[in-house]
């Protein structure tokens, strides 16, 4: 942004656009969250945000609200406006140009190859002043799942753990309800509503019979219906009981099962169970080999349009996910409790450990208090 004069009020308007975009958290997948604010003579004349894939984009909605007042105004938008026709809605660049908007301030370039710089160039060709990369880190963080999905074809993965101060997630007899407090649990439900899917394993399902739904009275902004993530269970032998919650409650459940050979001792029993599961609306993804390749699974989920996943499982699944290098971000809820005991379950288990000099590093760490608990969030450097 060299040579561009940026004022404090520009930051105020862009941050307003970012807050608007966040109102649709969990609702726009596989599209990004986008907010738009139109300003004229130092005052907001219209604003809006993208609510759902297939519906009008934030810029178009704000322009409709502004009407003729949009001429000669400045548009603050969190993501580069689209310019292509390969979608269900008209290109936003045309709406901006036709509205006579004279200046567009963009939070970040759209990594989608169909846009990626082309939208900004289209505006410039029509003599619209364009400022790019304004509050870029904040814009990128808002759409971190979209960015990863568009650039890699794989979902953004968050590993969520609830543990005691001494790093335990359950007692030796598997008691784990409730380690964290009510406020932390409410936040977890909001986190669930912000992702496309929850990933767990059959051990957790059999031990807890969880619902894995986002049980909140309303969306974080109070404006949209609560988004319910799909549930994905690594269940090699299709052991999930037919009467369990995840098979009896919406939304969809996906079971990830091992493909059985004809000489498998359970091969005679599974066809019947498989058909009963399919009749209940369950989707089954099968893998080859003794253990599911999580990198392969992430690619499969990406092909299904799943852009973000939160892992909620036991210590073994957390360890395996880290070892396989699929975790992008961690969220550790730490309760002010101490269990003790060498047979209590650790937050991250498994049989493989890293030397201190090779330990997984957490970067951009943020720590905040949630009720009586502490939440530590950060990004994993998968090297």
Protein backbone atom coordinates (compact mmCIF):
# COMPACT_ATOMS: atom_id res chain seq x y z
CA UNK A 1 0.00 0.00 0.00
CA UNK A 2 2.93 2.33 -0.65
CA UNK A 3 1.93 5.90 -1.46
CA UNK A 4 -1.63 5.36 -0.21
CA UNK A 5 -2.78 7.59 2.59
CA UNK A 6 -4.56 5.55 5.25
CA UNK A 7 -6.55 7.25 8.00
CA UNK A 8 -7.75 5.94 11.36
CA UNK A 9 -11.32 6.13 10.08
CA UNK A 10 -10.39 3.67 7.31
CA UNK A 11 -9.46 1.13 9.98
CA UNK A 12 -12.74 1.76 11.77
CA UNK A 13 -14.78 1.09 8.64
CA UNK A 14 -12.79 -2.02 7.64
CA UNK A 15 -13.06 -3.48 11.13
CA UNK A 16 -16.79 -2.87 10.91
CA UNK A 17 -16.81 -4.88 7.68
CA UNK A 18 -14.85 -7.69 9.36
CA UNK A 19 -17.35 -7.83 12.23
CA UNK A 20 -20.23 -7.95 9.79
CA UNK A 21 -18.59 -10.82 7.88
CA UNK A 22 -18.13 -12.81 11.10
CA UNK A 23 -21.89 -12.80 11.69
CA UNK A 24 -22.17 -15.58 9.11
CA UNK A 25 -19.55 -17.80 10.74
CA UNK A 26 -20.30 -21.41 9.85
CA UNK A 27 -23.05 -20.47 7.38
CA UNK A 28 -21.26 -19.62 4.11
CA UNK A 29 -19.19 -22.74 3.39
CA UNK A 30 -17.73 -23.43 0.90
CA UNK A 31 -17.79 -19.68 0.28
CA UNK A 32 -15.79 -17.25 2.39
CA UNK A 33 -17.24 -14.86 4.97
CA UNK A 34 -17.38 -11.36 3.51
CA UNK A 35 -18.54 -8.02 4.88
CA UNK A 36 -19.00 -4.76 3.02
CA UNK A 37 -19.43 -1.17 4.20
CA UNK A 38 -20.18 1.78 1.89
CA UNK A 39 -19.08 5.20 3.14
CA UNK A 40 -19.77 8.67 1.76
CA UNK A 41 -18.68 11.98 3.25
CA UNK A 42 -17.30 10.14 6.25
CA UNK A 43 -20.58 8.38 7.09
CA UNK A 44 -21.81 4.82 6.55
CA UNK A 45 -24.65 4.86 4.04
CA UNK A 46 -25.05 1.08 3.65
CA UNK A 47 -23.56 -2.19 4.86
CA UNK A 48 -24.21 -5.91 4.65
CA UNK A 49 -22.59 -9.35 4.66
CA UNK A 50 -22.71 -12.60 2.69
CA UNK A 51 -25.06 -15.01 4.42
CA UNK A 52 -25.02 -18.27 2.49
CA UNK A 53 -23.52 -19.88 -0.61
CA UNK A 54 -25.74 -19.18 -3.60
CA UNK A 55 -27.11 -15.94 -2.19
CA UNK A 56 -25.99 -12.42 -3.09
CA UNK A 57 -22.51 -11.38 -2.02
CA UNK A 58 -21.86 -8.70 0.57
CA UNK A 59 -20.92 -6.00 -1.97
CA UNK A 60 -24.07 -6.53 -4.04
CA UNK A 61 -26.29 -6.44 -0.96
CA UNK A 62 -24.69 -3.25 0.34
CA UNK A 63 -25.01 -1.58 -3.08
CA UNK A 64 -28.70 -2.47 -3.22
CA UNK A 65 -29.14 -0.85 0.17
CA UNK A 66 -27.25 2.27 -0.89
CA UNK A 67 -29.11 2.78 -4.16
CA UNK A 68 -28.22 5.99 -6.00
CA UNK A 69 -26.27 7.24 -2.97
CA UNK A 70 -23.47 4.79 -3.83
CA UNK A 71 -22.16 7.05 -6.62
CA UNK A 72 -18.85 8.63 -5.62
CA UNK A 73 -18.61 6.58 -2.40
CA UNK A 74 -15.92 4.34 -0.88
CA UNK A 75 -16.50 0.61 -0.48
CA UNK A 76 -14.70 -1.29 2.29
CA UNK A 77 -14.80 -5.03 1.60
CA UNK A 78 -12.98 -7.79 3.48
CA UNK A 79 -12.21 -9.91 0.39
CA UNK A 80 -11.40 -9.02 -3.21
CA UNK A 81 -14.65 -8.67 -5.21
CA UNK A 82 -15.37 -11.49 -7.64
CA UNK A 83 -15.25 -10.91 -11.38
CA UNK A 84 -16.10 -14.30 -12.93
CA UNK A 85 -19.38 -15.79 -14.16
CA UNK A 86 -18.81 -19.35 -12.97
CA UNK A 87 -21.25 -19.09 -10.04
CA UNK A 88 -24.90 -18.58 -9.19
CA UNK A 89 -24.69 -14.81 -8.59
CA UNK A 90 -23.53 -11.92 -10.83
CA UNK A 91 -19.93 -10.65 -10.58
CA UNK A 92 -19.53 -8.03 -7.87
CA UNK A 93 -17.07 -5.96 -9.90
CA UNK A 94 -19.82 -5.14 -12.39
CA UNK A 95 -22.15 -4.05 -9.58
CA UNK A 96 -19.43 -1.81 -8.13
CA UNK A 97 -18.63 -0.22 -11.50
CA UNK A 98 -22.29 0.27 -12.44
CA UNK A 99 -23.02 1.86 -9.04
CA UNK A 100 -20.35 4.52 -9.67
CA UNK A 101 -18.32 3.70 -6.57
CA UNK A 102 -15.06 5.64 -6.87
CA UNK A 103 -12.83 3.91 -4.30
CA UNK A 104 -12.59 0.30 -3.07
CA UNK A 105 -10.51 -0.74 -0.06
CA UNK A 106 -9.90 -4.51 0.03
CA UNK A 107 -8.89 -6.56 3.05
CA UNK A 108 -7.19 -9.40 1.17
CA UNK A 109 -6.80 -10.90 -2.28
CA UNK A 110 -9.10 -13.83 -3.02
CA UNK A 111 -6.90 -16.96 -3.33
CA UNK A 112 -9.44 -18.52 -5.69
CA UNK A 113 -7.64 -18.71 -9.08
CA UNK A 114 -10.85 -17.53 -10.77
CA UNK A 115 -10.47 -14.21 -8.96
CA UNK A 116 -6.95 -13.83 -7.48
CA UNK A 117 -6.06 -10.29 -8.53
CA UNK A 118 -8.41 -10.24 -11.50
CA UNK A 119 -11.19 -8.55 -9.54
CA UNK A 120 -8.95 -5.68 -8.44
CA UNK A 121 -7.55 -5.33 -11.98
CA UNK A 122 -11.06 -5.15 -13.42
CA UNK A 123 -11.91 -2.27 -11.09
CA UNK A 124 -8.70 -0.42 -11.92
CA UNK A 125 -9.38 -0.72 -15.66
CA UNK A 126 -12.61 1.15 -15.04
CA UNK A 127 -10.78 3.90 -13.16
CA UNK A 128 -11.87 2.83 -9.70
CA UNK A 129 -9.21 3.62 -7.09
CA UNK A 130 -8.24 0.38 -5.37
CA UNK A 131 -6.36 -0.15 -2.08
CA UNK A 132 -5.35 -3.78 -1.56
CA UNK A 133 -4.23 -5.74 1.51
CA UNK A 134 -5.72 -3.35 4.07
CA UNK A 135 -5.78 -5.04 7.53
CA UNK A 136 -4.72 -8.16 5.65
CA UNK A 137 -3.76 -10.30 8.71
CA UNK A 138 -7.19 -9.79 10.25
CA UNK A 139 -8.92 -10.56 6.96
CA UNK A 140 -6.85 -13.72 6.47
CA UNK A 141 -7.55 -14.99 9.98
CA UNK A 142 -11.27 -14.50 9.47
CA UNK A 143 -11.19 -16.81 6.43
CA UNK A 144 -8.33 -19.12 7.36
CA UNK A 145 -10.45 -22.21 6.63
CA UNK A 146 -11.49 -20.91 3.20
CA UNK A 147 -7.89 -20.01 2.33
CA UNK A 148 -6.60 -23.49 3.14
CA UNK A 149 -9.46 -25.23 1.36
CA UNK A 150 -9.10 -23.16 -1.82
CA UNK A 151 -5.30 -23.49 -1.96
CA UNK A 152 -4.96 -27.18 -0.96
CA UNK A 153 -8.34 -28.83 -1.47
CA UNK A 154 -8.24 -29.97 2.17
CA UNK A 155 -10.17 -28.74 5.21
CA UNK A 156 -8.71 -26.54 7.93
CA UNK A 157 -8.33 -28.73 11.04
CA UNK A 158 -8.69 -27.63 14.65
CA UNK A 159 -7.75 -30.00 17.49
CA UNK A 160 -9.90 -29.26 20.54
CA UNK A 161 -8.93 -30.64 23.96
CA UNK A 162 -10.52 -30.20 27.40
CA UNK A 163 -8.06 -31.13 30.15
CA UNK A 164 -7.10 -30.65 33.77
CA UNK A 165 -4.22 -28.56 35.00
CA UNK A 166 -2.06 -31.69 35.07
CA UNK A 167 -2.89 -32.55 31.46
CA UNK A 168 -5.51 -35.28 31.93
CA UNK A 169 -8.69 -35.69 29.92
CA UNK A 170 -10.25 -38.55 31.94
CA UNK A 171 -9.78 -40.66 35.06
CA UNK A 172 -8.57 -44.27 34.76
CA UNK A 173 -12.22 -45.41 34.64
CA UNK A 174 -12.84 -42.96 31.74
CA UNK A 175 -14.80 -40.38 33.74
CA UNK A 176 -14.58 -37.06 31.90
CA UNK A 177 -17.88 -35.20 32.49
CA UNK A 178 -17.34 -32.45 33.17
CA UNK A 179 -13.72 -31.40 33.27
CA UNK A 180 -14.34 -27.83 32.11
CA UNK A 181 -16.97 -25.38 33.28
CA UNK A 182 -20.28 -24.38 31.76
CA UNK A 183 -18.94 -21.28 30.00
CA UNK A 184 -16.26 -23.33 28.24
CA UNK A 185 -18.84 -25.87 27.15
CA UNK A 186 -21.03 -23.13 25.72
CA UNK A 187 -18.05 -21.81 23.76
CA UNK A 188 -17.36 -25.31 22.41
CA UNK A 189 -20.90 -25.43 21.05
CA UNK A 190 -20.30 -22.13 19.27
CA UNK A 191 -17.03 -23.52 17.90
CA UNK A 192 -18.92 -26.55 16.59
CA UNK A 193 -21.40 -24.29 14.83
CA UNK A 194 -18.52 -22.56 13.03
CA UNK A 195 -17.06 -25.69 11.35
CA UNK A 196 -18.36 -28.00 8.65
CA UNK A 197 -17.67 -31.23 10.52
CA UNK A 198 -16.66 -32.83 13.83
CA UNK A 199 -14.19 -35.73 13.70
CA UNK A 200 -14.07 -38.35 16.45
CA UNK A 201 -13.35 -42.07 16.86
CA UNK A 202 -15.40 -45.11 17.81
CA UNK A 203 -13.81 -45.30 21.27
CA UNK A 204 -15.18 -41.89 22.21
CA UNK A 205 -18.59 -42.70 20.71
CA UNK A 206 -18.93 -45.99 22.61
CA UNK A 207 -17.73 -44.45 25.88
CA UNK A 208 -19.85 -41.27 25.85
CA UNK A 209 -22.69 -41.76 23.34
CA UNK A 210 -22.27 -38.08 22.37
CA UNK A 211 -24.64 -36.02 20.21
CA UNK A 212 -21.84 -33.86 18.73
CA UNK A 213 -24.30 -31.10 17.89
CA UNK A 214 -24.12 -27.34 18.38
CA UNK A 215 -26.59 -26.87 21.20
CA UNK A 216 -27.02 -23.11 21.40
CA UNK A 217 -30.24 -21.12 21.52
CA UNK A 218 -29.13 -18.86 18.69
CA UNK A 219 -26.16 -18.07 16.48
CA UNK A 220 -23.33 -15.94 17.96
CA UNK A 221 -24.71 -12.85 16.25
CA UNK A 222 -28.29 -13.78 17.07
CA UNK A 223 -29.22 -13.32 13.41
CA UNK A 224 -28.77 -16.67 11.68
CA UNK A 225 -30.04 -20.17 12.48
CA UNK A 226 -27.45 -22.31 14.27
CA UNK A 227 -25.34 -24.29 11.84
CA UNK A 228 -25.03 -28.00 12.67
CA UNK A 229 -21.77 -29.68 11.63
CA UNK A 230 -21.66 -33.09 10.04
CA UNK A 231 -20.27 -35.86 12.25
CA UNK A 232 -17.42 -38.07 11.10
CA UNK A 233 -16.54 -41.17 13.11
CA UNK A 234 -13.52 -43.37 12.48
CA UNK A 235 -15.22 -46.73 13.00
CA UNK A 236 -13.13 -49.44 11.31
CA UNK A 237 -15.56 -52.32 11.97
CA UNK A 238 -18.86 -50.41 11.96
CA UNK A 239 -19.33 -50.89 15.69
CA UNK A 240 -21.46 -47.79 16.30
CA UNK A 241 -24.71 -49.02 17.95
CA UNK A 242 -27.75 -48.30 15.81
CA UNK A 243 -29.62 -46.63 18.69
CA UNK A 244 -26.82 -44.18 19.54
CA UNK A 245 -27.35 -40.42 19.37
CA UNK A 246 -25.18 -39.72 16.33
CA UNK A 247 -27.28 -42.14 14.29
CA UNK A 248 -30.63 -40.94 15.63
CA UNK A 249 -30.27 -37.15 15.50
CA UNK A 250 -29.62 -34.81 12.57
CA UNK A 251 -27.42 -33.75 10.86
CA UNK A 252 -25.63 -36.33 8.72
CA UNK A 253 -23.13 -38.81 10.14
CA UNK A 254 -20.24 -40.24 8.12
CA UNK A 255 -18.58 -43.48 9.28
CA UNK A 256 -15.02 -44.15 8.13
CA UNK A 257 -14.66 -47.94 7.98
CA UNK A 258 -12.05 -50.47 6.97
CA UNK A 259 -12.81 -52.31 3.75
CA UNK A 260 -13.21 -55.95 4.75
CA UNK A 261 -11.72 -58.89 2.91
CA UNK A 262 -13.81 -61.92 2.06
CA UNK A 263 -11.98 -63.99 4.71
CA UNK A 264 -12.47 -61.39 7.48
CA UNK A 265 -14.22 -63.03 10.44
CA UNK A 266 -16.74 -60.17 10.54
CA UNK A 267 -17.33 -60.02 6.81
CA UNK A 268 -20.43 -62.19 7.14
CA UNK A 269 -21.94 -59.89 9.77
CA UNK A 270 -21.13 -56.47 8.31
CA UNK A 271 -23.28 -56.44 5.16
CA UNK A 272 -26.44 -56.51 7.29
CA UNK A 273 -25.20 -53.81 9.64
CA UNK A 274 -23.96 -51.75 6.72
CA UNK A 275 -27.38 -51.80 5.05
CA UNK A 276 -29.12 -50.84 8.30
CA UNK A 277 -26.75 -47.89 8.62
CA UNK A 278 -27.35 -46.81 5.03
CA UNK A 279 -31.10 -47.05 5.63
CA UNK A 280 -30.66 -44.57 8.50
CA UNK A 281 -29.04 -42.09 6.13
CA UNK A 282 -25.47 -42.75 7.25
CA UNK A 283 -22.70 -42.27 4.68
CA UNK A 284 -19.84 -44.78 4.75
CA UNK A 285 -16.33 -44.05 3.49
CA UNK A 286 -14.09 -47.11 3.25
CA UNK A 287 -10.30 -47.23 3.40
CA UNK A 288 -7.70 -49.85 2.59
CA UNK A 289 -5.07 -51.10 5.03
CA UNK A 290 -4.94 -51.58 8.78
CA UNK A 291 -5.32 -47.92 9.75
CA UNK A 292 -6.97 -44.95 8.09
CA UNK A 293 -4.56 -42.52 6.48
CA UNK A 294 -5.71 -39.16 7.86
CA UNK A 295 -4.09 -37.20 5.04
CA UNK A 296 -6.08 -39.32 2.58
CA UNK A 297 -9.23 -38.80 4.66
CA UNK A 298 -8.79 -35.02 4.64
CA UNK A 299 -8.53 -35.06 0.86
CA UNK A 300 -11.69 -37.19 0.64
CA UNK A 301 -13.54 -34.75 2.92
CA UNK A 302 -12.30 -31.84 0.82
CA UNK A 303 -13.72 -33.53 -2.27
CA UNK A 304 -17.05 -33.65 -0.42
CA UNK A 305 -16.93 -29.87 0.06
CA UNK A 306 -15.99 -29.96 3.74
CA UNK A 307 -13.78 -26.92 4.36
CA UNK A 308 -13.22 -27.14 8.13
CA UNK A 309 -13.02 -29.91 10.73
CA UNK A 310 -12.79 -29.89 14.52
CA UNK A 311 -11.32 -32.98 16.15
CA UNK A 312 -13.06 -34.02 19.36
CA UNK A 313 -11.72 -37.40 20.35
CA UNK A 314 -9.56 -39.19 22.87
CA UNK A 315 -5.86 -38.89 23.48
CA UNK A 316 -5.02 -41.47 20.79
CA UNK A 317 -6.85 -39.64 17.99
CA UNK A 318 -5.27 -36.33 19.00
CA UNK A 319 -1.82 -37.90 18.96
CA UNK A 320 -2.44 -39.59 15.62
CA UNK A 321 -3.72 -36.36 14.04
CA UNK A 322 -0.62 -34.48 15.17
CA UNK A 323 1.69 -37.26 14.00
CA UNK A 324 0.02 -37.35 10.59
CA UNK A 325 0.47 -33.58 10.26
CA UNK A 326 -3.17 -32.70 9.57
CA UNK A 327 -3.68 -30.28 12.49
CA UNK A 328 -3.59 -26.57 11.66
CA UNK A 329 -4.74 -25.11 14.95
CA UNK A 330 -5.15 -26.24 18.56
CA UNK A 331 -7.66 -25.10 21.19
CA UNK A 332 -6.82 -26.39 24.68
CA UNK A 333 -9.35 -25.71 27.45
CA UNK A 334 -7.56 -26.05 30.79
CA UNK A 335 -9.63 -26.47 33.96
CA UNK A 336 -8.28 -25.56 37.43
CA UNK A 337 -8.45 -29.20 38.52
CA UNK A 338 -5.84 -31.87 39.23
CA UNK A 339 -6.64 -35.57 38.82
CA UNK A 340 -3.24 -37.24 39.13
CA UNK A 341 -2.62 -40.92 38.59
CA UNK A 342 -0.36 -42.53 36.04
CA UNK A 343 -3.30 -44.40 34.52
CA UNK A 344 -5.42 -41.29 33.97
CA UNK A 345 -5.69 -40.45 30.28
CA UNK A 346 -3.28 -37.77 29.02
CA UNK A 347 -4.43 -35.01 26.69
CA UNK A 348 -2.15 -36.32 23.93
CA UNK A 349 -1.34 -40.02 24.14
CA UNK A 350 -0.10 -42.49 21.57
CA UNK A 351 3.06 -44.55 21.55
CA UNK A 352 5.19 -42.01 19.69
CA UNK A 353 6.74 -38.97 21.31
CA UNK A 354 9.01 -36.20 20.11
CA UNK A 355 12.24 -35.08 21.69
CA UNK A 356 12.08 -31.66 23.28
CA UNK A 357 14.01 -30.07 20.46
CA UNK A 358 11.53 -31.59 17.97
CA UNK A 359 8.33 -30.88 19.92
CA UNK A 360 5.32 -29.50 18.07
CA UNK A 361 5.59 -25.73 18.25
CA UNK A 362 2.52 -23.55 18.77
CA UNK A 363 2.77 -20.12 17.17
CA UNK A 364 0.60 -16.98 17.36
CA UNK A 365 -0.61 -18.23 20.72
CA UNK A 366 -3.52 -16.52 22.43
CA UNK A 367 -4.58 -17.11 26.03
CA UNK A 368 -7.87 -16.03 27.53
CA UNK A 369 -9.99 -16.81 30.55
CA UNK A 370 -13.33 -18.54 29.94
CA UNK A 371 -15.20 -18.58 33.23
CA UNK A 372 -12.96 -20.45 35.63
CA UNK A 373 -11.03 -22.12 32.81
CA UNK A 374 -8.20 -20.99 30.52
CA UNK A 375 -8.31 -21.36 26.75
CA UNK A 376 -5.01 -21.61 24.89
CA UNK A 377 -5.21 -21.32 21.10
CA UNK A 378 -2.47 -21.34 18.51
CA UNK A 379 -1.25 -22.68 15.19
CA UNK A 380 0.79 -25.82 14.64
CA UNK A 381 3.94 -25.63 12.55
CA UNK A 382 3.79 -28.92 10.66
CA UNK A 383 7.47 -29.38 9.91
